[in-house]
C-alpha atoms as a PDB file:
ATOM      1  CA  MET A   1       0.052  -0.045  -0.136  1.00  0.00           C
ATOM      2  CA  SER A   2       1.271   3.418  -0.776  1.00  0.00           C
ATOM      3  CA  PHE A   3      -0.085   6.921   0.216  1.00  0.00           C
ATOM      4  CA  HIS A   4      -0.616   9.290  -2.688  1.00  0.00           C
ATOM      5  CA  LEU A   5      -0.332  12.801  -1.321  1.00  0.00           C
ATOM      6  CA  GLU A   6      -1.652  14.706  -4.722  1.00  0.00           C
ATOM      7  CA  PRO A   7      -5.244  14.243  -3.863  1.00  0.00           C
ATOM      8  CA  TRP A   8      -4.628  15.921  -0.182  1.00  0.00           C
ATOM      9  CA  LEU A   9      -2.808  18.676  -1.713  1.00  0.00           C
ATOM     10  CA  SER A  10      -5.050  19.242  -4.407  1.00  0.00           C
ATOM     11  CA  LYS A  11      -7.345  20.247  -1.285  1.00  0.00           C
ATOM     12  CA  ASP A  12      -7.577  24.147  -0.119  1.00  0.00           C
ATOM     13  CA  GLN A  13      -6.404  24.790   3.332  1.00  0.00           C
ATOM     14  CA  ASN A  14      -9.840  24.493   4.922  1.00  0.00           C
ATOM     15  CA  ASP A  15     -10.886  21.120   3.594  1.00  0.00           C
ATOM     16  CA  ARG A  16      -7.277  19.909   4.971  1.00  0.00           C
ATOM     17  CA  ARG A  17      -7.463  21.695   8.249  1.00  0.00           C
ATOM     18  CA  HIS A  18     -11.329  20.366   8.332  1.00  0.00           C
ATOM     19  CA  VAL A  19      -9.773  17.052   9.164  1.00  0.00           C
ATOM     20  CA  PHE A  20      -7.836  17.876  12.217  1.00  0.00           C
ATOM     21  CA  ASP A  21     -10.286  20.441  13.564  1.00  0.00           C
ATOM     22  CA  ASP A  22     -13.391  18.389  14.099  1.00  0.00           C
ATOM     23  CA  TYR A  23     -12.839  17.216  17.287  1.00  0.00           C
ATOM     24  CA  GLY A  24     -16.889  16.854  18.006  1.00  0.00           C
ATOM     25  CA  ASP A  25     -16.771  13.592  15.329  1.00  0.00           C
ATOM     26  CA  TYR A  26     -13.665  12.465  17.134  1.00  0.00           C
ATOM     27  CA  LYS A  27     -15.000  12.904  20.490  1.00  0.00           C
ATOM     28  CA  ARG A  28     -18.320  10.827  19.530  1.00  0.00           C
ATOM     29  CA  ILE A  29     -15.900   7.949  18.075  1.00  0.00           C
ATOM     30  CA  ASP A  30     -13.784   7.806  20.715  1.00  0.00           C
ATOM     31  CA  ASN A  31     -17.037   7.524  23.550  1.00  0.00           C
ATOM     32  CA  PHE A  32     -18.198   4.760  21.664  1.00  0.00           C
ATOM     33  CA  TYR A  33     -14.983   2.854  21.905  1.00  0.00           C
ATOM     34  CA  LYS A  34     -14.740   3.966  25.291  1.00  0.00           C
ATOM     35  CA  ARG A  35     -18.301   2.370  26.094  1.00  0.00           C
ATOM     36  CA  LEU A  36     -17.002  -0.765  24.516  1.00  0.00           C
ATOM     37  CA  LYS A  37     -13.933  -1.377  26.522  1.00  0.00           C
ATOM     38  CA  GLU A  38     -15.836  -0.802  29.732  1.00  0.00           C
ATOM     39  CA  ARG A  39     -18.274  -3.601  28.590  1.00  0.00           C
ATOM     40  CA  ASP A  40     -15.642  -5.963  27.680  1.00  0.00           C
ATOM     41  CA  ASN A  41     -13.842  -5.124  31.004  1.00  0.00           C
ATOM     42  CA  GLU A  42     -16.917  -6.280  32.629  1.00  0.00           C
ATOM     43  CA  LEU A  43     -17.773  -9.295  30.430  1.00  0.00           C
ATOM     44  CA  SER A  44     -14.441 -10.299  31.399  1.00  0.00           C
ATOM     45  CA  ASN A  45     -15.300  -9.812  35.037  1.00  0.00           C
ATOM     46  CA  LYS A  46     -18.037 -12.958  34.574  1.00  0.00           C
ATOM     47  CA  ASN A  47     -19.578 -12.083  37.995  1.00  0.00           C
ATOM     48  CA  ILE A  48     -21.627  -9.863  35.772  1.00  0.00           C
ATOM     49  CA  ASP A  49     -25.382  -9.970  36.113  1.00  0.00           C
ATOM     50  CA  HIS A  50     -28.067  -9.892  33.287  1.00  0.00           C
ATOM     51  CA  GLU A  51     -29.266  -6.566  34.504  1.00  0.00           C
ATOM     52  CA  GLU A  52     -26.042  -4.863  34.276  1.00  0.00           C
ATOM     53  CA  LEU A  53     -24.993  -6.526  31.199  1.00  0.00           C
ATOM     54  CA  LYS A  54     -28.128  -5.161  29.737  1.00  0.00           C
ATOM     55  CA  ARG A  55     -27.268  -1.756  30.766  1.00  0.00           C
ATOM     56  CA  TYR A  56     -23.978  -1.664  29.542  1.00  0.00           C
ATOM     57  CA  ASN A  57     -25.596  -3.294  26.082  1.00  0.00           C
ATOM     58  CA  ASP A  58     -27.784  -0.372  26.091  1.00  0.00           C
ATOM     59  CA  GLU A  59     -25.360   2.442  26.597  1.00  0.00           C
ATOM     60  CA  CYS A  60     -22.939   0.917  23.797  1.00  0.00           C
ATOM     61  CA  LEU A  61     -26.162   0.966  21.019  1.00  0.00           C
ATOM     62  CA  VAL A  62     -26.812   4.410  22.081  1.00  0.00           C
ATOM     63  CA  SER A  63     -23.579   5.527  21.631  1.00  0.00           C
ATOM     64  CA  ALA A  64     -23.327   3.625  18.565  1.00  0.00           C
ATOM     65  CA  ILE A  65     -26.248   5.020  16.916  1.00  0.00           C
ATOM     66  CA  ASN A  66     -25.361   8.510  18.372  1.00  0.00           C
ATOM     67  CA  THR A  67     -22.133   8.015  16.552  1.00  0.00           C
ATOM     68  CA  ILE A  68     -23.503   6.584  13.170  1.00  0.00           C
ATOM     69  CA  GLU A  69     -26.024   9.175  12.726  1.00  0.00           C
ATOM     70  CA  LYS A  70     -24.133  12.107  14.032  1.00  0.00           C
ATOM     71  CA  VAL A  71     -21.001  11.937  12.236  1.00  0.00           C
ATOM     72  CA  ASN A  72     -20.730  13.142   8.846  1.00  0.00           C
ATOM     73  CA  TRP A  73     -18.925  10.554   7.367  1.00  0.00           C
ATOM     74  CA  THR A  74     -18.699  11.780   4.122  1.00  0.00           C
ATOM     75  CA  ASP A  75     -16.421  14.217   5.372  1.00  0.00           C
ATOM     76  CA  TYR A  76     -13.725  11.521   5.444  1.00  0.00           C
ATOM     77  CA  GLU A  77     -14.551   9.766   2.080  1.00  0.00           C
ATOM     78  CA  ASP A  78     -11.524  11.785   0.595  1.00  0.00           C
ATOM     79  CA  ILE A  79      -8.884  10.890   3.280  1.00  0.00           C
ATOM     80  CA  GLU A  80      -9.897   7.116   2.923  1.00  0.00           C
ATOM     81  CA  ASN A  81      -9.162   7.219  -0.634  1.00  0.00           C
ATOM     82  CA  ILE A  82      -6.041   9.149  -0.177  1.00  0.00           C
ATOM     83  CA  ILE A  83      -4.716   6.359   2.603  1.00  0.00           C
ATOM     84  CA  ILE A  84      -6.373   3.485   0.648  1.00  0.00           C
ATOM     85  CA  GLN A  85      -4.682   4.387  -2.751  1.00  0.00           C
END
């Protein structure tokens, strides 16, 4: 895999800066993974009761839906194309 910079360099400063300035998206995604890690840690405890597991699952589901619906994924399509090429 190689990284092609031409698509990145062809963008104006605002487009390039957007990638690094949109911390709201980063925080949503990071929050989802934090919840997932908490859930995994509790599952490894093996003493988790059904209600607690259900609570963790519900929290992860809400966080996943929040992330999927509120992140504008089209903002990151060009980045994916640059990295994958």
